[in-house]
C-alpha atoms as a PDB file:
ATOM      1  CA  MET A   1       0.000   0.000   0.000  1.00  0.00           C
ATOM      2  CA  LYS A   2       1.267   3.408  -0.950  1.00  0.00           C
ATOM      3  CA  LEU A   3      -0.046   6.884  -0.137  1.00  0.00           C
ATOM      4  CA  VAL A   4       0.145   8.904  -3.369  1.00  0.00           C
ATOM      5  CA  ASN A   5      -0.721  12.370  -4.628  1.00  0.00           C
ATOM      6  CA  PHE A   6      -3.627  12.817  -7.035  1.00  0.00           C
ATOM      7  CA  ASN A   7      -1.512  12.976 -10.199  1.00  0.00           C
ATOM      8  CA  GLU A   8       0.222   9.716  -9.260  1.00  0.00           C
ATOM      9  CA  PHE A   9      -3.158   8.139  -8.556  1.00  0.00           C
ATOM     10  CA  ILE A  10      -4.566   9.203 -11.936  1.00  0.00           C
ATOM     11  CA  ASP A  11      -1.500   8.618 -14.122  1.00  0.00           C
ATOM     12  CA  GLY A  12       0.361   5.822 -12.376  1.00  0.00           C
ATOM     13  CA  TYR A  13      -2.003   2.876 -12.542  1.00  0.00           C
ATOM     14  CA  GLY A  14      -3.105   2.525 -16.158  1.00  0.00           C
ATOM     15  CA  TRP A  15      -6.699   3.695 -15.743  1.00  0.00           C
ATOM     16  CA  SER A  16      -8.763   4.016 -18.921  1.00  0.00           C
ATOM     17  CA  ASP A  17      -9.718   7.523 -20.024  1.00  0.00           C
ATOM     18  CA  ALA A  18     -13.297   6.913 -18.847  1.00  0.00           C
ATOM     19  CA  VAL A  19     -12.112   5.913 -15.348  1.00  0.00           C
ATOM     20  CA  LYS A  20      -9.725   8.884 -15.210  1.00  0.00           C
ATOM     21  CA  HIS A  21     -12.631  11.191 -16.087  1.00  0.00           C
ATOM     22  CA  LYS A  22     -14.799   9.634 -13.370  1.00  0.00           C
ATOM     23  CA  LEU A  23     -11.993   9.920 -10.778  1.00  0.00           C
ATOM     24  CA  ARG A  24     -11.404  13.578 -11.686  1.00  0.00           C
ATOM     25  CA  SER A  25     -15.108  14.323 -11.247  1.00  0.00           C
ATOM     26  CA  MET A  26     -15.195  12.417  -7.936  1.00  0.00           C
ATOM     27  CA  VAL A  27     -12.345  14.475  -6.505  1.00  0.00           C
ATOM     28  CA  LEU A  28     -14.450  17.641  -6.900  1.00  0.00           C
ATOM     29  CA  ARG A  29     -17.001  16.366  -4.393  1.00  0.00           C
ATOM     30  CA  GLU A  30     -16.650  18.161  -1.075  1.00  0.00           C
ATOM     31  CA  ASP A  31     -17.517  15.072   0.941  1.00  0.00           C
ATOM     32  CA  LEU A  32     -14.880  12.830  -0.703  1.00  0.00           C
ATOM     33  CA  LYS A  33     -12.005  11.901   1.623  1.00  0.00           C
ATOM     34  CA  TYR A  34     -10.171   8.972  -0.014  1.00  0.00           C
ATOM     35  CA  LEU A  35      -9.698   7.246  -3.359  1.00  0.00           C
ATOM     36  CA  VAL A  36      -8.369   3.703  -3.157  1.00  0.00           C
ATOM     37  CA  ALA A  37      -6.838   1.597  -5.927  1.00  0.00           C
ATOM     38  CA  TRP A  38      -6.994  -2.102  -5.143  1.00  0.00           C
ATOM     39  CA  ASP A  39      -6.348  -5.447  -6.799  1.00  0.00           C
ATOM     40  CA  ASN A  40      -9.731  -7.029  -7.517  1.00  0.00           C
ATOM     41  CA  SER A  41      -8.740 -10.604  -8.487  1.00  0.00           C
ATOM     42  CA  GLY A  42      -6.063  -9.423 -10.890  1.00  0.00           C
ATOM     43  CA  LYS A  43      -7.923  -6.367 -12.174  1.00  0.00           C
ATOM     44  CA  LEU A  44      -7.271  -2.917 -10.721  1.00  0.00           C
ATOM     45  CA  SER A  45     -10.389  -1.308  -9.233  1.00  0.00           C
ATOM     46  CA  ALA A  46     -11.038   2.052  -7.588  1.00  0.00           C
ATOM     47  CA  SER A  47     -13.228   2.874  -4.611  1.00  0.00           C
ATOM     48  CA  ALA A  48     -14.205   6.261  -3.189  1.00  0.00           C
ATOM     49  CA  TYR A  49     -14.806   6.974   0.500  1.00  0.00           C
ATOM     50  CA  THR A  50     -16.397   9.925   2.265  1.00  0.00           C
ATOM     51  CA  GLY A  51     -14.872   8.886   5.591  1.00  0.00           C
ATOM     52  CA  LYS A  52     -12.343   6.519   7.046  1.00  0.00           C
ATOM     53  CA  PRO A  53     -13.822   3.035   6.535  1.00  0.00           C
ATOM     54  CA  LEU A  54     -13.802   0.422   9.263  1.00  0.00           C
ATOM     55  CA  ASP A  55     -12.759  -2.215   6.717  1.00  0.00           C
ATOM     56  CA  TRP A  56     -10.442  -1.278   3.865  1.00  0.00           C
ATOM     57  CA  PRO A  57     -10.485  -3.431   0.718  1.00  0.00           C
ATOM     58  CA  ASP A  58      -8.072  -6.348   0.624  1.00  0.00           C
ATOM     59  CA  ASN A  59      -5.005  -5.944  -1.602  1.00  0.00           C
ATOM     60  CA  ILE A  60      -4.775  -2.136  -1.546  1.00  0.00           C
ATOM     61  CA  VAL A  61      -2.326  -0.835  -4.132  1.00  0.00           C
ATOM     62  CA  ALA A  62      -2.554   2.927  -3.509  1.00  0.00           C
ATOM     63  CA  VAL A  63      -4.516   5.510  -1.527  1.00  0.00           C
ATOM     64  CA  TRP A  64      -5.066   9.182  -2.271  1.00  0.00           C
ATOM     65  CA  ALA A  65      -6.237  11.267   0.697  1.00  0.00           C
ATOM     66  CA  LYS A  66      -7.883  14.643   0.068  1.00  0.00           C
ATOM     67  CA  ASP A  67      -6.261  16.290   3.072  1.00  0.00           C
ATOM     68  CA  GLY A  68      -2.945  14.512   2.532  1.00  0.00           C
ATOM     69  CA  ASP A  69      -3.293  12.671   5.834  1.00  0.00           C
ATOM     70  CA  ASP A  70      -2.211   9.049   6.094  1.00  0.00           C
ATOM     71  CA  PRO A  71      -5.445   7.159   6.808  1.00  0.00           C
ATOM     72  CA  PHE A  72      -3.556   4.249   8.342  1.00  0.00           C
ATOM     73  CA  VAL A  73      -1.796   6.253  11.049  1.00  0.00           C
ATOM     74  CA  GLU A  74      -3.460   6.010  14.430  1.00  0.00           C
ATOM     75  CA  VAL A  75      -4.233   9.312  16.060  1.00  0.00           C
ATOM     76  CA  LYS A  76      -3.582   9.175  19.784  1.00  0.00           C
ATOM     77  CA  SER A  77      -4.031  11.791  22.444  1.00  0.00           C
ATOM     78  CA  LYS A  78      -0.945  13.354  23.987  1.00  0.00           C
ATOM     79  CA  THR A  79      -1.704  11.483  27.208  1.00  0.00           C
ATOM     80  CA  MET A  80      -1.842   8.111  25.419  1.00  0.00           C
ATOM     81  CA  ARG A  81       1.385   8.913  23.560  1.00  0.00           C
ATOM     82  CA  ALA A  82       3.018   9.670  26.928  1.00  0.00           C
ATOM     83  CA  VAL A  83       1.643   6.427  28.423  1.00  0.00           C
ATOM     84  CA  ASP A  84       3.139   4.554  25.464  1.00  0.00           C
ATOM     85  CA  LEU A  85       6.520   6.163  26.168  1.00  0.00           C
ATOM     86  CA  VAL A  86       6.320   5.021  29.787  1.00  0.00           C
ATOM     87  CA  MET A  87       5.074   1.504  29.024  1.00  0.00           C
ATOM     88  CA  ASN A  88       7.110   0.754  25.885  1.00  0.00           C
ATOM     89  CA  GLU A  89      10.182   2.971  26.103  1.00  0.00           C
ATOM     90  CA  GLY A  90      10.746   2.870  29.862  1.00  0.00           C
ATOM     91  CA  GLN A  91      10.614   6.639  30.285  1.00  0.00           C
ATOM     92  CA  THR A  92       9.517   8.194  33.534  1.00  0.00           C
ATOM     93  CA  ALA A  93       6.093   9.824  33.650  1.00  0.00           C
ATOM     94  CA  TYR A  94       7.811  13.205  33.972  1.00  0.00           C
ATOM     95  CA  ALA A  95      10.060  12.646  30.922  1.00  0.00           C
ATOM     96  CA  ALA A  96       7.173  11.295  28.834  1.00  0.00           C
ATOM     97  CA  ALA A  97       4.946  14.242  29.786  1.00  0.00           C
ATOM     98  CA  LYS A  98       7.669  16.700  28.880  1.00  0.00           C
ATOM     99  CA  ALA A  99       8.282  14.923  25.545  1.00  0.00           C
ATOM    100  CA  VAL A 100       4.651  15.312  24.431  1.00  0.00           C
ATOM    101  CA  GLY A 101       3.981  18.670  26.095  1.00  0.00           C
ATOM    102  CA  ILE A 102       1.520  17.862  28.898  1.00  0.00           C
ATOM    103  CA  ASN A 103       1.453  18.029  32.677  1.00  0.00           C
ATOM    104  CA  PRO A 104       3.057  15.010  34.401  1.00  0.00           C
ATOM    105  CA  SER A 105      -0.033  14.617  36.607  1.00  0.00           C
ATOM    106  CA  ALA A 106      -2.061  13.672  33.512  1.00  0.00           C
ATOM    107  CA  VAL A 107       0.344  10.803  32.834  1.00  0.00           C
ATOM    108  CA  HIS A 108       0.278   9.662  36.479  1.00  0.00           C
ATOM    109  CA  ARG A 109      -3.550   9.667  36.468  1.00  0.00           C
ATOM    110  CA  ALA A 110      -3.694   7.699  33.206  1.00  0.00           C
ATOM    111  CA  LEU A 111      -1.250   5.118  34.546  1.00  0.00           C
ATOM    112  CA  LYS A 112      -3.239   4.824  37.777  1.00  0.00           C
ATOM    113  CA  ARG A 113      -6.483   4.217  35.826  1.00  0.00           C
ATOM    114  CA  ARG A 114      -4.774   1.330  34.011  1.00  0.00           C
ATOM    115  CA  GLU A 115      -3.755  -0.568  37.144  1.00  0.00           C
ATOM    116  CA  GLU A 116      -5.343  -4.041  37.269  1.00  0.00           C
ATOM    117  CA  LYS A 117      -7.698  -3.196  34.388  1.00  0.00           C
ATOM    118  CA  LEU A 118      -8.343  -4.936  31.091  1.00  0.00           C
ATOM    119  CA  ILE A 119      -6.511  -3.087  28.319  1.00  0.00           C
ATOM    120  CA  CYS A 120      -7.676  -3.172  24.696  1.00  0.00           C
ATOM    121  CA  PRO A 121      -4.915  -4.664  22.521  1.00  0.00           C
ATOM    122  CA  CYS A 122      -5.915  -2.478  19.547  1.00  0.00           C
ATOM    123  CA  CYS A 123      -6.053   1.017  21.025  1.00  0.00           C
ATOM    124  CA  ASN A 124      -4.214   0.380  24.319  1.00  0.00           C
ATOM    125  CA  GLN A 125      -7.001   2.020  26.338  1.00  0.00           C
ATOM    126  CA  VAL A 126      -8.808   0.753  29.415  1.00  0.00           C
ATOM    127  CA  VAL A 127     -11.860  -1.354  28.552  1.00  0.00           C
ATOM    128  CA  GLN A 128     -14.730   0.238  30.456  1.00  0.00           C
ATOM    129  CA  ASP A 129     -17.102  -1.786  32.654  1.00  0.00           C
ATOM    130  CA  GLY A 130     -19.862  -3.404  30.629  1.00  0.00           C
ATOM    131  CA  PHE A 131     -17.749  -3.651  27.470  1.00  0.00           C
ATOM    132  CA  PHE A 132     -15.728  -6.586  26.188  1.00  0.00           C
ATOM    133  CA  ILE A 133     -13.043  -7.338  23.612  1.00  0.00           C
ATOM    134  CA  ASN A 134     -14.287  -9.248  20.582  1.00  0.00           C
ATOM    135  CA  ARG A 135     -11.147 -11.275  19.839  1.00  0.00           C
ATOM    136  CA  GLU A 136     -12.592 -12.556  16.556  1.00  0.00           C
ATOM    137  CA  VAL A 137     -12.074  -9.163  14.911  1.00  0.00           C
ATOM    138  CA  LEU A 138      -8.555  -8.518  16.177  1.00  0.00           C
ATOM    139  CA  THR A 139      -5.616  -8.494  13.776  1.00  0.00           C
ATOM    140  CA  ASP A 140      -2.771 -10.929  14.337  1.00  0.00           C
ATOM    141  CA  GLN A 141      -0.665  -8.131  15.823  1.00  0.00           C
ATOM    142  CA  ALA A 142      -3.334  -7.197  18.381  1.00  0.00           C
ATOM    143  CA  VAL A 143      -3.894 -10.784  19.537  1.00  0.00           C
ATOM    144  CA  ASN A 144      -0.311 -11.150  20.786  1.00  0.00           C
END
């Protein structure tokens, strides 16, 4: 999968003139967020999205994003980024807070909330009471 600019998306994948015309007209829509080129059983297909889909097509070849953002990058809060630094990098709460630009007390509170709680393997957040983790939908990376 490759994030590309619009010209690369239009000119780099051998679309027919009719498909190029359709893609150019789609990009003018205000609600369009992503164009995706994907391998559809050996034939290149295109899909348009007005928001970030829960399930991307299999065999993605390229993605064009209207705002230039990478749709596959997780957006985490500063507090969760600091918690990751503490949990995964071994930083102190103070150092992690300073690294992301927040108050150390926010990191201490987040770490305290995590004590002896079930943590979601996908988003690394505390699973609230009354909710559960559906392990059937987890990726291989999240299961471990």
